[in-house]
Amino acid sequence: MSLNNHAAITDTASPLVSVIMAVNRDDGFLHAAIDSVLTQSLKNIELLVIANNCTDELWKQLQLLADRDFRVRPFRTPFGQLPYNLNMGMQHARGEFVARMDADDLALSNRLELQVRFLQTNTEISVVGGSYLHIDEHGRVIGRPVALKLEPRKIHAHMPFESCMPHPTVMMRRVDAIRVGGYAYGLYAEDWDLWLRMRRAGMRFANLSNIVLHYRIHTGQSTSLQSMRRNMANVQALLLRELILTGNPKFAVSMLRHLGVECLRLIYAQVRHTFPKQVAAE
């Protein structure tokens, strides 16, 4: 289904879930990502599309979709930073729950229903994520990541070492995210930063074992050496902040671990950049 093929929908019910999608270009997957939200089994939703630095053509397409389906609410901004755009979506969201969605992924049809049911049943949980599969540019399944930690206790204990909550899969209580200040951290690791601040505030997390998303791997994603260096610096700054604030030695261990892993990745990327043909042939 394309942006131009949605039947007109005009209802005024207040949404239960606000899905926030930030987009600045269409790599060829945007229409499918939007369709996967609008065809959810849970209908009482809204989709906030934060178009940042987008072309006039893409903006017109989003406006056309909004004219056809009242649940789509596009906003335009010149700022490309993801935390800013996610906060903008959070500001305009009307739902009790906020769900994240990237512009190149596919949500399974019952994703939002499963997560709403979980949060309504488990009122002590602030954020729930879910399992996912990797797909390629053609939508073919190409792998499954390591199994997630599901229980709040295990997530809390392991969060100093990794995010634990796959950002494109999460649904959170909007009031809880706002209570700790929303997204607030640089250009990278904005999700991990938010979880750590929520963790310090005593909030709890969980993941569903259910597959709720297909995460797309494609050539348009950023893997430059510059972005890798920035990511490493941001993660180190984030972990150092938590070490200072909490005194938890796990963050010191995590800093060393991440530094070692990221240095190896940088070395490998540099080798590939310098000798692309030789590395590709190995």
C-alpha atoms as a PDB file:
ATOM      1  CA  MET A   1       0.000   0.000   0.000  1.00  0.00           C
ATOM      2  CA  SER A   2       1.453   3.392  -0.940  1.00  0.00           C
ATOM      3  CA  LEU A   3       0.977   6.804   0.604  1.00  0.00           C
ATOM      4  CA  ASN A   4      -1.585   7.599  -2.055  1.00  0.00           C
ATOM      5  CA  ASN A   5      -3.711   4.473  -1.586  1.00  0.00           C
ATOM      6  CA  HIS A   6      -4.982   4.858   1.978  1.00  0.00           C
ATOM      7  CA  ALA A   7      -8.733   5.210   2.228  1.00  0.00           C
ATOM      8  CA  ALA A   8      -9.873   8.427   3.864  1.00  0.00           C
ATOM      9  CA  ILE A   9     -10.316   8.011   7.611  1.00  0.00           C
ATOM     10  CA  THR A  10     -11.894  10.768   9.687  1.00  0.00           C
ATOM     11  CA  ASP A  11     -12.479   9.987  13.339  1.00  0.00           C
ATOM     12  CA  THR A  12     -11.924  12.262  16.317  1.00  0.00           C
ATOM     13  CA  ALA A  13     -11.349   9.735  19.108  1.00  0.00           C
ATOM     14  CA  SER A  14      -8.449  10.557  21.429  1.00  0.00           C
ATOM     15  CA  PRO A  15      -5.540   8.211  20.712  1.00  0.00           C
ATOM     16  CA  LEU A  16      -4.318   5.719  23.280  1.00  0.00           C
ATOM     17  CA  VAL A  17      -0.894   5.405  21.637  1.00  0.00           C
ATOM     18  CA  SER A  18       1.225   8.056  19.928  1.00  0.00           C
ATOM     19  CA  VAL A  19       3.762   6.567  17.524  1.00  0.00           C
ATOM     20  CA  ILE A  20       6.706   8.922  16.868  1.00  0.00           C
ATOM     21  CA  MET A  21       8.648   8.596  13.621  1.00  0.00           C
ATOM     22  CA  ALA A  22      11.436  11.019  12.690  1.00  0.00           C
ATOM     23  CA  VAL A  23      12.348  11.186   8.996  1.00  0.00           C
ATOM     24  CA  ASN A  24      14.509  13.409   6.785  1.00  0.00           C
ATOM     25  CA  ARG A  25      14.496  11.380   3.584  1.00  0.00           C
ATOM     26  CA  ASP A  26      12.916   8.343   1.992  1.00  0.00           C
ATOM     27  CA  ASP A  27      15.426   5.559   1.340  1.00  0.00           C
ATOM     28  CA  GLY A  28      12.671   3.588  -0.349  1.00  0.00           C
ATOM     29  CA  PHE A  29      11.217   2.075   2.814  1.00  0.00           C
ATOM     30  CA  LEU A  30       9.181   4.936   4.324  1.00  0.00           C
ATOM     31  CA  HIS A  31       5.830   4.034   2.762  1.00  0.00           C
ATOM     32  CA  ALA A  32       6.042   0.451   4.022  1.00  0.00           C
ATOM     33  CA  ALA A  33       7.047   1.635   7.507  1.00  0.00           C
ATOM     34  CA  ILE A  34       4.072   4.009   7.676  1.00  0.00           C
ATOM     35  CA  ASP A  35       1.705   1.321   6.386  1.00  0.00           C
ATOM     36  CA  SER A  36       2.890  -1.069   9.103  1.00  0.00           C
ATOM     37  CA  VAL A  37       1.767   1.482  11.715  1.00  0.00           C
ATOM     38  CA  LEU A  38      -1.542   2.447  10.137  1.00  0.00           C
ATOM     39  CA  THR A  39      -2.592  -1.180   9.661  1.00  0.00           C
ATOM     40  CA  GLN A  40      -2.037  -2.163  13.305  1.00  0.00           C
ATOM     41  CA  SER A  41      -4.663  -4.310  14.999  1.00  0.00           C
ATOM     42  CA  LEU A  42      -4.927  -1.512  17.581  1.00  0.00           C
ATOM     43  CA  LYS A  43      -6.737   1.322  15.813  1.00  0.00           C
ATOM     44  CA  ASN A  44      -6.862   3.926  18.579  1.00  0.00           C
ATOM     45  CA  ILE A  45      -3.497   5.434  17.659  1.00  0.00           C
ATOM     46  CA  GLU A  46      -1.859   8.447  16.067  1.00  0.00           C
ATOM     47  CA  LEU A  47       1.318   8.634  13.995  1.00  0.00           C
ATOM     48  CA  LEU A  48       3.430  11.746  14.480  1.00  0.00           C
ATOM     49  CA  VAL A  49       5.855  12.096  11.580  1.00  0.00           C
ATOM     50  CA  ILE A  50       8.562  14.630  12.410  1.00  0.00           C
ATOM     51  CA  ALA A  51       9.981  15.644   9.029  1.00  0.00           C
ATOM     52  CA  ASN A  52      13.368  17.275   9.527  1.00  0.00           C
ATOM     53  CA  ASN A  53      15.409  18.761   6.682  1.00  0.00           C
ATOM     54  CA  CYS A  54      13.132  16.982   4.234  1.00  0.00           C
ATOM     55  CA  THR A  55      12.386  17.931   0.643  1.00  0.00           C
ATOM     56  CA  ASP A  56       9.229  19.792  -0.312  1.00  0.00           C
ATOM     57  CA  GLU A  57       8.174  16.752  -2.303  1.00  0.00           C
ATOM     58  CA  LEU A  58       8.299  14.452   0.739  1.00  0.00           C
ATOM     59  CA  TRP A  59       6.505  17.044   2.846  1.00  0.00           C
ATOM     60  CA  LYS A  60       3.681  17.236   0.295  1.00  0.00           C
ATOM     61  CA  GLN A  61       3.314  13.453   0.355  1.00  0.00           C
ATOM     62  CA  LEU A  62       3.063  13.471   4.144  1.00  0.00           C
ATOM     63  CA  GLN A  63       0.450  16.220   4.028  1.00  0.00           C
ATOM     64  CA  LEU A  64      -1.544  14.224   1.485  1.00  0.00           C
ATOM     65  CA  LEU A  65      -1.476  11.206   3.769  1.00  0.00           C
ATOM     66  CA  ALA A  66      -2.622  13.350   6.697  1.00  0.00           C
ATOM     67  CA  ASP A  67      -5.554  14.550   4.602  1.00  0.00           C
ATOM     68  CA  ARG A  68      -6.581  10.949   3.990  1.00  0.00           C
ATOM     69  CA  ASP A  69      -6.041   9.558   7.491  1.00  0.00           C
ATOM     70  CA  PHE A  70      -6.708  11.721  10.555  1.00  0.00           C
ATOM     71  CA  ARG A  71      -4.299   9.591  12.617  1.00  0.00           C
ATOM     72  CA  VAL A  72      -1.276  10.948  10.720  1.00  0.00           C
ATOM     73  CA  ARG A  73       0.030  14.246  12.107  1.00  0.00           C
ATOM     74  CA  PRO A  74       3.092  15.565  10.231  1.00  0.00           C
ATOM     75  CA  PHE A  75       5.351  18.281  11.656  1.00  0.00           C
ATOM     76  CA  ARG A  76       8.201  19.979   9.814  1.00  0.00           C
ATOM     77  CA  THR A  77      11.432  21.251  11.331  1.00  0.00           C
ATOM     78  CA  PRO A  78      14.830  22.337   9.950  1.00  0.00           C
ATOM     79  CA  PHE A  79      16.715  20.615  12.786  1.00  0.00           C
ATOM     80  CA  GLY A  80      18.179  17.219  12.005  1.00  0.00           C
ATOM     81  CA  GLN A  81      19.165  16.102  15.514  1.00  0.00           C
ATOM     82  CA  LEU A  82      17.169  13.021  16.532  1.00  0.00           C
ATOM     83  CA  PRO A  83      16.736  13.913  20.252  1.00  0.00           C
ATOM     84  CA  TYR A  84      15.216  17.278  19.302  1.00  0.00           C
ATOM     85  CA  ASN A  85      12.780  15.680  16.883  1.00  0.00           C
ATOM     86  CA  LEU A  86      11.767  12.934  19.298  1.00  0.00           C
ATOM     87  CA  ASN A  87      11.127  15.553  21.987  1.00  0.00           C
ATOM     88  CA  MET A  88       9.057  17.522  19.502  1.00  0.00           C
ATOM     89  CA  GLY A  89       6.964  14.432  18.925  1.00  0.00           C
ATOM     90  CA  MET A  90       6.686  13.879  22.671  1.00  0.00           C
ATOM     91  CA  GLN A  91       5.466  17.468  23.087  1.00  0.00           C
ATOM     92  CA  HIS A  92       2.676  17.049  20.545  1.00  0.00           C
ATOM     93  CA  ALA A  93       1.749  13.475  21.490  1.00  0.00           C
ATOM     94  CA  ARG A  94      -1.744  13.024  22.901  1.00  0.00           C
ATOM     95  CA  GLY A  95      -1.566   9.338  23.808  1.00  0.00           C
ATOM     96  CA  GLU A  96      -1.069   7.855  27.248  1.00  0.00           C
ATOM     97  CA  PHE A  97       1.644   5.682  25.710  1.00  0.00           C
ATOM     98  CA  VAL A  98       4.389   6.694  23.266  1.00  0.00           C
ATOM     99  CA  ALA A  99       5.893   4.169  20.837  1.00  0.00           C
ATOM    100  CA  ARG A 100       9.040   4.619  18.757  1.00  0.00           C
ATOM    101  CA  MET A 101       9.241   3.697  15.110  1.00  0.00           C
ATOM    102  CA  ASP A 102      12.000   4.214  12.549  1.00  0.00           C
ATOM    103  CA  ALA A 103      11.303   5.156   8.944  1.00  0.00           C
ATOM    104  CA  ASP A 104      12.852   2.017   7.450  1.00  0.00           C
ATOM    105  CA  ASP A 105      11.549  -0.705   9.774  1.00  0.00           C
ATOM    106  CA  LEU A 106       8.330  -2.736   9.794  1.00  0.00           C
ATOM    107  CA  ALA A 107       6.111  -3.147  12.841  1.00  0.00           C
ATOM    108  CA  LEU A 108       4.290  -6.466  13.077  1.00  0.00           C
ATOM    109  CA  SER A 109       0.536  -5.995  12.937  1.00  0.00           C
ATOM    110  CA  ASN A 110      -0.107  -6.777  16.620  1.00  0.00           C
ATOM    111  CA  ARG A 111       2.909  -4.931  18.046  1.00  0.00           C
ATOM    112  CA  LEU A 112       1.071  -1.999  19.630  1.00  0.00           C
ATOM    113  CA  GLU A 113      -1.759  -4.151  20.929  1.00  0.00           C
ATOM    114  CA  LEU A 114       0.666  -6.516  22.675  1.00  0.00           C
ATOM    115  CA  GLN A 115       2.620  -3.693  24.277  1.00  0.00           C
ATOM    116  CA  VAL A 116      -0.434  -1.744  25.431  1.00  0.00           C
ATOM    117  CA  ARG A 117      -1.881  -4.884  26.982  1.00  0.00           C
ATOM    118  CA  PHE A 118       1.403  -5.515  28.792  1.00  0.00           C
ATOM    119  CA  LEU A 119       1.670  -1.972  30.190  1.00  0.00           C
ATOM    120  CA  GLN A 120      -1.964  -1.927  31.265  1.00  0.00           C
ATOM    121  CA  THR A 121      -1.473  -5.226  33.087  1.00  0.00           C
ATOM    122  CA  ASN A 122       1.957  -4.400  34.558  1.00  0.00           C
ATOM    123  CA  THR A 123       1.421  -0.900  35.905  1.00  0.00           C
ATOM    124  CA  GLU A 124       4.841  -0.800  37.589  1.00  0.00           C
ATOM    125  CA  ILE A 125       6.637  -0.959  34.216  1.00  0.00           C
ATOM    126  CA  SER A 126       7.491   2.349  32.511  1.00  0.00           C
ATOM    127  CA  VAL A 127       9.051   1.070  29.267  1.00  0.00           C
ATOM    128  CA  VAL A 128       8.484  -2.148  27.344  1.00  0.00           C
ATOM    129  CA  GLY A 129      10.478  -3.282  24.324  1.00  0.00           C
ATOM    130  CA  GLY A 130      10.249  -6.384  22.225  1.00  0.00           C
ATOM    131  CA  SER A 131      12.187  -8.925  20.228  1.00  0.00           C
ATOM    132  CA  TYR A 132      12.910  -8.336  16.551  1.00  0.00           C
ATOM    133  CA  LEU A 133      14.391  -9.821  13.395  1.00  0.00           C
ATOM    134  CA  HIS A 134      16.878  -8.330  10.961  1.00  0.00           C
ATOM    135  CA  ILE A 135      15.670  -7.966   7.371  1.00  0.00           C
ATOM    136  CA  ASP A 136      17.497  -6.825   4.235  1.00  0.00           C
ATOM    137  CA  GLU A 137      16.553  -4.190   1.663  1.00  0.00           C
ATOM    138  CA  HIS A 138      14.099  -6.631   0.083  1.00  0.00           C
ATOM    139  CA  GLY A 139      12.359  -7.523   3.335  1.00  0.00           C
ATOM    140  CA  ARG A 140      13.984 -10.940   3.631  1.00  0.00           C
ATOM    141  CA  VAL A 141      14.860 -12.153   7.132  1.00  0.00           C
ATOM    142  CA  ILE A 142      18.658 -12.299   7.457  1.00  0.00           C
ATOM    143  CA  GLY A 143      19.142 -12.905  11.162  1.00  0.00           C
ATOM    144  CA  ARG A 144      17.995 -12.643  14.743  1.00  0.00           C
ATOM    145  CA  PRO A 145      19.981 -10.760  17.405  1.00  0.00           C
ATOM    146  CA  VAL A 146      21.023 -12.327  20.685  1.00  0.00           C
ATOM    147  CA  ALA A 147      18.012 -12.967  22.914  1.00  0.00           C
ATOM    148  CA  LEU A 148      16.963  -9.945  24.964  1.00  0.00           C
ATOM    149  CA  LYS A 149      16.845  -9.769  28.714  1.00  0.00           C
ATOM    150  CA  LEU A 150      13.139  -9.812  29.522  1.00  0.00           C
ATOM    151  CA  GLU A 151      12.731  -9.418  33.272  1.00  0.00           C
ATOM    152  CA  PRO A 152      12.960  -6.010  35.008  1.00  0.00           C
ATOM    153  CA  ARG A 153      15.541  -7.250  37.510  1.00  0.00           C
ATOM    154  CA  LYS A 154      17.918  -8.544  34.821  1.00  0.00           C
ATOM    155  CA  ILE A 155      17.514  -5.422  32.686  1.00  0.00           C
ATOM    156  CA  HIS A 156      18.223  -3.171  35.669  1.00  0.00           C
ATOM    157  CA  ALA A 157      21.364  -5.134  36.556  1.00  0.00           C
ATOM    158  CA  HIS A 158      22.742  -5.209  33.015  1.00  0.00           C
ATOM    159  CA  MET A 159      21.867  -1.681  31.849  1.00  0.00           C
ATOM    160  CA  PRO A 160      25.276  -0.224  32.885  1.00  0.00           C
ATOM    161  CA  PHE A 161      26.800  -2.407  30.139  1.00  0.00           C
ATOM    162  CA  GLU A 162      24.327  -1.899  27.285  1.00  0.00           C
ATOM    163  CA  SER A 163      21.023  -0.231  26.486  1.00  0.00           C
ATOM    164  CA  CYS A 164      19.036  -3.496  26.873  1.00  0.00           C
ATOM    165  CA  MET A 165      15.969  -1.805  25.304  1.00  0.00           C
ATOM    166  CA  PRO A 166      15.954  -1.922  21.457  1.00  0.00           C
ATOM    167  CA  HIS A 167      14.948   1.664  20.730  1.00  0.00           C
ATOM    168  CA  PRO A 168      12.790   1.101  17.592  1.00  0.00           C
ATOM    169  CA  THR A 169      10.708  -1.469  19.501  1.00  0.00           C
ATOM    170  CA  VAL A 170       9.901   0.430  22.690  1.00  0.00           C
ATOM    171  CA  MET A 171       6.650   1.754  24.068  1.00  0.00           C
ATOM    172  CA  MET A 172       6.742   3.949  27.166  1.00  0.00           C
ATOM    173  CA  ARG A 173       4.435   5.809  29.472  1.00  0.00           C
ATOM    174  CA  ARG A 174       4.621   9.372  28.182  1.00  0.00           C
ATOM    175  CA  VAL A 175       4.308  10.902  31.652  1.00  0.00           C
ATOM    176  CA  ASP A 176       7.307   8.906  32.909  1.00  0.00           C
ATOM    177  CA  ALA A 177       9.549   9.908  29.991  1.00  0.00           C
ATOM    178  CA  ILE A 178       8.618  13.561  30.451  1.00  0.00           C
ATOM    179  CA  ARG A 179       9.183  13.350  34.199  1.00  0.00           C
ATOM    180  CA  VAL A 180      12.914  12.731  33.682  1.00  0.00           C
ATOM    181  CA  GLY A 181      13.258  15.368  30.947  1.00  0.00           C
ATOM    182  CA  GLY A 182      12.700  13.350  27.772  1.00  0.00           C
ATOM    183  CA  TYR A 183      15.532  12.875  25.298  1.00  0.00           C
ATOM    184  CA  ALA A 184      18.514  15.003  26.210  1.00  0.00           C
ATOM    185  CA  TYR A 185      21.795  13.527  25.006  1.00  0.00           C
ATOM    186  CA  GLY A 186      23.868  14.551  22.000  1.00  0.00           C
ATOM    187  CA  LEU A 187      23.692  12.873  18.612  1.00  0.00           C
ATOM    188  CA  TYR A 188      24.220   9.268  19.728  1.00  0.00           C
ATOM    189  CA  ALA A 189      23.083   6.962  22.534  1.00  0.00           C
ATOM    190  CA  GLU A 190      20.060   9.188  23.155  1.00  0.00           C
ATOM    191  CA  ASP A 191      17.983   6.135  24.032  1.00  0.00           C
ATOM    192  CA  TRP A 192      20.502   4.623  26.483  1.00  0.00           C
ATOM    193  CA  ASP A 193      20.792   8.013  28.162  1.00  0.00           C
ATOM    194  CA  LEU A 194      17.034   8.200  28.654  1.00  0.00           C
ATOM    195  CA  TRP A 195      16.852   4.667  30.080  1.00  0.00           C
ATOM    196  CA  LEU A 196      19.685   5.382  32.535  1.00  0.00           C
ATOM    197  CA  ARG A 197      17.975   8.524  33.802  1.00  0.00           C
ATOM    198  CA  MET A 198      14.706   6.632  34.180  1.00  0.00           C
ATOM    199  CA  ARG A 199      16.626   3.853  35.947  1.00  0.00           C
ATOM    200  CA  ARG A 200      18.064   6.368  38.433  1.00  0.00           C
ATOM    201  CA  ALA A 201      14.524   7.649  39.033  1.00  0.00           C
ATOM    202  CA  GLY A 202      13.464   4.151  40.094  1.00  0.00           C
ATOM    203  CA  MET A 203      11.499   3.290  36.955  1.00  0.00           C
ATOM    204  CA  ARG A 204      11.348  -0.260  35.648  1.00  0.00           C
ATOM    205  CA  PHE A 205      11.767  -1.889  32.241  1.00  0.00           C
ATOM    206  CA  ALA A 206      10.718  -5.102  30.502  1.00  0.00           C
ATOM    207  CA  ASN A 207      11.009  -6.727  27.072  1.00  0.00           C
ATOM    208  CA  LEU A 208       8.557  -9.034  25.349  1.00  0.00           C
ATOM    209  CA  SER A 209       9.785 -12.317  23.925  1.00  0.00           C
ATOM    210  CA  ASN A 210       7.335 -11.788  21.052  1.00  0.00           C
ATOM    211  CA  ILE A 211       8.736 -10.586  17.729  1.00  0.00           C
ATOM    212  CA  VAL A 212       7.255  -7.093  17.350  1.00  0.00           C
ATOM    213  CA  LEU A 213       9.466  -5.542  14.643  1.00  0.00           C
ATOM    214  CA  HIS A 214      11.521  -6.233  11.552  1.00  0.00           C
ATOM    215  CA  TYR A 215      14.669  -4.107  11.762  1.00  0.00           C
ATOM    216  CA  ARG A 216      15.995  -3.277   8.304  1.00  0.00           C
ATOM    217  CA  ILE A 217      19.704  -3.382   7.442  1.00  0.00           C
ATOM    218  CA  HIS A 218      20.502  -1.383   4.294  1.00  0.00           C
ATOM    219  CA  THR A 219      23.250   0.600   2.599  1.00  0.00           C
ATOM    220  CA  GLY A 220      21.743   4.002   3.447  1.00  0.00           C
ATOM    221  CA  GLN A 221      22.556   3.626   7.140  1.00  0.00           C
ATOM    222  CA  SER A 222      25.471   5.628   8.516  1.00  0.00           C
ATOM    223  CA  THR A 223      28.658   3.633   9.184  1.00  0.00           C
ATOM    224  CA  SER A 224      31.310   6.311   8.545  1.00  0.00           C
ATOM    225  CA  LEU A 225      34.500   6.448  10.574  1.00  0.00           C
ATOM    226  CA  GLN A 226      33.526   9.910  11.806  1.00  0.00           C
ATOM    227  CA  SER A 227      30.172   8.705  13.112  1.00  0.00           C
ATOM    228  CA  MET A 228      31.831   5.726  14.818  1.00  0.00           C
ATOM    229  CA  ARG A 229      34.307   8.024  16.603  1.00  0.00           C
ATOM    230  CA  ARG A 230      31.508  10.338  17.730  1.00  0.00           C
ATOM    231  CA  ASN A 231      29.473   7.402  18.967  1.00  0.00           C
ATOM    232  CA  MET A 232      32.423   6.098  20.995  1.00  0.00           C
ATOM    233  CA  ALA A 233      33.008   9.518  22.554  1.00  0.00           C
ATOM    234  CA  ASN A 234      29.345   9.967  23.443  1.00  0.00           C
ATOM    235  CA  VAL A 235      29.070   6.533  25.034  1.00  0.00           C
ATOM    236  CA  GLN A 236      32.208   7.122  27.120  1.00  0.00           C
ATOM    237  CA  ALA A 237      30.856  10.495  28.303  1.00  0.00           C
ATOM    238  CA  LEU A 238      27.514   8.923  29.166  1.00  0.00           C
ATOM    239  CA  LEU A 239      29.075   6.116  31.209  1.00  0.00           C
ATOM    240  CA  LEU A 240      31.431   8.503  33.004  1.00  0.00           C
ATOM    241  CA  ARG A 241      28.477  10.667  33.990  1.00  0.00           C
ATOM    242  CA  GLU A 242      26.682   7.668  35.485  1.00  0.00           C
ATOM    243  CA  LEU A 243      29.842   6.589  37.326  1.00  0.00           C
ATOM    244  CA  ILE A 244      30.146  10.053  38.891  1.00  0.00           C
ATOM    245  CA  LEU A 245      26.448  10.260  39.806  1.00  0.00           C
ATOM    246  CA  THR A 246      25.975   6.734  41.132  1.00  0.00           C
ATOM    247  CA  GLY A 247      29.439   5.564  42.186  1.00  0.00           C
ATOM    248  CA  ASN A 248      28.509   2.175  40.736  1.00  0.00           C
ATOM    249  CA  PRO A 249      31.763   0.413  39.651  1.00  0.00           C
ATOM    250  CA  LYS A 250      29.857  -1.384  36.894  1.00  0.00           C
ATOM    251  CA  PHE A 251      30.053   1.819  34.870  1.00  0.00           C
ATOM    252  CA  ALA A 252      33.854   1.894  35.152  1.00  0.00           C
ATOM    253  CA  VAL A 253      34.017  -1.700  33.906  1.00  0.00           C
ATOM    254  CA  SER A 254      31.611  -0.814  31.117  1.00  0.00           C
ATOM    255  CA  MET A 255      33.760   2.140  30.054  1.00  0.00           C
ATOM    256  CA  LEU A 256      36.794  -0.121  29.644  1.00  0.00           C
ATOM    257  CA  ARG A 257      34.793  -2.786  27.854  1.00  0.00           C
ATOM    258  CA  HIS A 258      33.195  -0.375  25.390  1.00  0.00           C
ATOM    259  CA  LEU A 259      36.488   1.396  24.775  1.00  0.00           C
ATOM    260  CA  GLY A 260      38.161  -1.873  23.841  1.00  0.00           C
ATOM    261  CA  VAL A 261      35.339  -3.056  21.593  1.00  0.00           C
ATOM    262  CA  GLU A 262      34.956   0.281  19.827  1.00  0.00           C
ATOM    263  CA  CYS A 263      38.710   0.620  19.264  1.00  0.00           C
ATOM    264  CA  LEU A 264      38.739  -2.792  17.562  1.00  0.00           C
ATOM    265  CA  ARG A 265      35.771  -1.757  15.405  1.00  0.00           C
ATOM    266  CA  LEU A 266      37.501   1.481  14.449  1.00  0.00           C
ATOM    267  CA  ILE A 267      40.698  -0.346  13.517  1.00  0.00           C
ATOM    268  CA  TYR A 268      38.779  -2.803  11.349  1.00  0.00           C
ATOM    269  CA  ALA A 269      36.776   0.002   9.717  1.00  0.00           C
ATOM    270  CA  GLN A 270      39.954   1.966   9.056  1.00  0.00           C
ATOM    271  CA  VAL A 271      41.544  -1.079   7.423  1.00  0.00           C
ATOM    272  CA  ARG A 272      38.483  -1.596   5.248  1.00  0.00           C
ATOM    273  CA  HIS A 273      38.512   2.084   4.312  1.00  0.00           C
ATOM    274  CA  THR A 274      42.225   2.010   3.429  1.00  0.00           C
ATOM    275  CA  PHE A 275      42.336  -1.390   1.724  1.00  0.00           C
ATOM    276  CA  PRO A 276      38.725  -2.065   0.634  1.00  0.00           C
ATOM    277  CA  LYS A 277      39.500  -4.591  -2.126  1.00  0.00           C
ATOM    278  CA  GLN A 278      41.908  -6.685  -0.082  1.00  0.00           C
ATOM    279  CA  VAL A 279      39.590  -6.895   2.961  1.00  0.00           C
ATOM    280  CA  ALA A 280      36.555  -7.645   0.803  1.00  0.00           C
ATOM    281  CA  ALA A 281      38.413 -10.543  -0.793  1.00  0.00           C
ATOM    282  CA  GLU A 282      39.345 -12.173   2.513  1.00  0.00           C
END
